Amino acid sequence: MATDAQQACFEAGIKFGSLYHQFAGTPVSPSSTRSLEAAMAEAIENQPFCESVAVEIHDDRVADAIDHENGYTELTGSLMDVEMRIAYEGVTVRTRMAMRDGYPLMELVSVDGVASDETN
């Protein structure tokens, strides 16, 4: 059986998978980044145990990725940073996705509220 900390981390992974794979490929332009950020955050915050989601789509990266006259590109992990806070049974997990070495890396930042018997 999973510990509360393990379950909280699992929940964070589910949220990242949902966020990334639901929205990857969405058409985005510098004029639509704010509304897409809000839609992404609000959609993921609907899921159980999700306390907060912050999505930042970088306008400059979006503009640089537009390679045709239609004025938009497809959303990829390289265009955004994401932070999430998940709470499960007294355990709070903080996560982020940011570019590292050319890759949009999803990672745990912290796990707080873990009982001492769960650390083994």
Protein backbone atom coordinates (compact mmCIF):
# COMPACT_ATOMS: atom_id res chain seq x y z
CA MET A 1 0.00 0.00 0.00
CA ALA A 2 1.28 3.46 -0.89
CA THR A 3 2.16 5.98 1.79
CA ASP A 4 0.43 9.35 1.81
CA ALA A 5 3.62 10.95 0.45
CA GLN A 6 3.84 8.41 -2.37
CA GLN A 7 0.17 8.95 -3.22
CA ALA A 8 0.65 12.74 -3.22
CA CYS A 9 3.61 12.37 -5.61
CA PHE A 10 1.55 10.04 -7.82
CA GLU A 11 -1.25 12.64 -7.91
CA ALA A 12 1.28 15.29 -8.99
CA GLY A 13 2.44 13.04 -11.82
CA ILE A 14 -1.12 12.49 -12.98
CA LYS A 15 -1.70 16.24 -13.07
CA PHE A 16 1.46 16.87 -15.10
CA GLY A 17 0.61 14.11 -17.56
CA SER A 18 -2.87 15.50 -17.99
CA LEU A 19 -1.67 19.09 -18.40
CA TYR A 20 1.07 18.30 -20.86
CA HIS A 21 -0.72 15.78 -23.05
CA GLN A 22 -4.06 17.56 -23.04
CA PHE A 23 -2.61 20.88 -24.20
CA ALA A 24 0.49 19.98 -26.23
CA GLY A 25 -0.20 20.91 -29.84
CA THR A 26 -2.74 23.61 -29.00
CA PRO A 27 -2.40 26.56 -31.39
CA VAL A 28 -0.89 29.52 -29.52
CA SER A 29 0.18 33.04 -30.44
CA PRO A 30 1.53 35.90 -28.37
CA SER A 31 -1.99 37.35 -28.26
CA SER A 32 -3.52 34.14 -26.84
CA THR A 33 -0.97 33.14 -24.21
CA ARG A 34 -2.78 34.64 -21.19
CA SER A 35 -6.11 33.00 -21.98
CA LEU A 36 -4.42 29.65 -22.64
CA GLU A 37 -2.48 29.90 -19.36
CA ALA A 38 -5.75 30.48 -17.49
CA ALA A 39 -7.56 27.66 -19.27
CA MET A 40 -4.75 25.21 -18.54
CA ALA A 41 -4.52 26.14 -14.86
CA GLU A 42 -8.28 26.06 -14.33
CA ALA A 43 -8.66 22.70 -16.07
CA ILE A 44 -5.99 21.01 -13.96
CA GLU A 45 -7.18 22.67 -10.73
CA ASN A 46 -10.50 20.83 -11.21
CA GLN A 47 -8.76 17.53 -10.45
CA PRO A 48 -8.82 16.06 -6.95
CA PHE A 49 -6.11 17.14 -4.48
CA CYS A 50 -4.88 19.98 -6.71
CA GLU A 51 -4.47 23.17 -4.68
CA SER A 52 -2.90 25.44 -7.28
CA VAL A 53 -1.46 25.53 -10.77
CA ALA A 54 0.56 28.37 -12.28
CA VAL A 55 1.26 28.27 -16.00
CA GLU A 56 3.54 30.80 -17.65
CA ILE A 57 3.70 30.72 -21.44
CA HIS A 58 6.61 32.86 -22.58
CA ASP A 59 5.53 35.32 -25.27
CA ASP A 60 9.07 35.69 -26.61
CA ARG A 61 9.47 31.91 -27.02
CA VAL A 62 6.08 31.69 -28.74
CA ALA A 63 6.98 34.51 -31.13
CA ASP A 64 10.33 32.88 -31.92
CA ALA A 65 8.64 29.54 -32.64
CA ILE A 66 6.21 30.97 -35.24
CA ASP A 67 7.61 29.91 -38.59
CA HIS A 68 4.76 30.67 -41.00
CA GLU A 69 2.50 33.57 -41.99
CA ASN A 70 -0.52 32.35 -40.00
CA GLY A 71 0.79 33.90 -36.77
CA TYR A 72 0.70 30.94 -34.40
CA THR A 73 2.66 27.89 -33.36
CA GLU A 74 1.85 24.69 -31.49
CA LEU A 75 2.26 24.67 -27.73
CA THR A 76 5.19 22.58 -26.50
CA GLY A 77 6.90 22.24 -23.15
CA SER A 78 9.71 24.46 -24.35
CA LEU A 79 7.34 27.44 -24.47
CA MET A 80 6.13 27.32 -20.87
CA ASP A 81 6.96 26.93 -17.21
CA VAL A 82 4.50 25.29 -14.81
CA GLU A 83 4.29 25.06 -11.02
CA MET A 84 1.77 22.95 -9.10
CA ARG A 85 0.88 22.34 -5.49
CA ILE A 86 -0.87 19.08 -4.61
CA ALA A 87 -2.21 18.24 -1.14
CA TYR A 88 -3.12 14.73 -0.06
CA GLU A 89 -3.87 13.65 3.52
CA GLY A 90 -1.66 16.31 5.10
CA VAL A 91 1.18 15.95 2.58
CA THR A 92 1.89 18.88 0.27
CA VAL A 93 3.86 18.26 -2.91
CA ARG A 94 5.30 21.12 -4.93
CA THR A 95 6.34 20.47 -8.51
CA ARG A 96 7.56 22.40 -11.52
CA MET A 97 8.26 22.03 -15.19
CA ALA A 98 10.96 24.22 -16.66
CA MET A 99 13.54 23.99 -19.40
CA ARG A 100 16.73 22.24 -18.37
CA ASP A 101 19.44 21.46 -20.91
CA GLY A 102 17.00 21.97 -23.77
CA TYR A 103 14.32 19.69 -22.29
CA PRO A 104 11.07 20.58 -20.45
CA LEU A 105 11.85 18.72 -17.21
CA MET A 106 9.03 17.90 -14.76
CA GLU A 107 10.31 17.50 -11.22
CA LEU A 108 9.41 17.38 -7.55
CA VAL A 109 10.50 20.51 -5.73
CA SER A 110 9.43 19.49 -2.23
CA VAL A 111 7.36 17.03 -0.24
CA ASP A 112 6.17 18.46 3.09
CA GLY A 113 4.20 16.92 5.91
CA VAL A 114 5.67 13.44 5.63
CA ALA A 115 5.43 11.39 8.82
CA SER A 116 8.76 9.98 10.00
CA ASP A 117 7.55 6.41 9.46
CA GLU A 118 6.94 7.18 5.76
CA THR A 119 10.54 8.08 5.02
CA ASN A 120 11.73 4.46 5.07
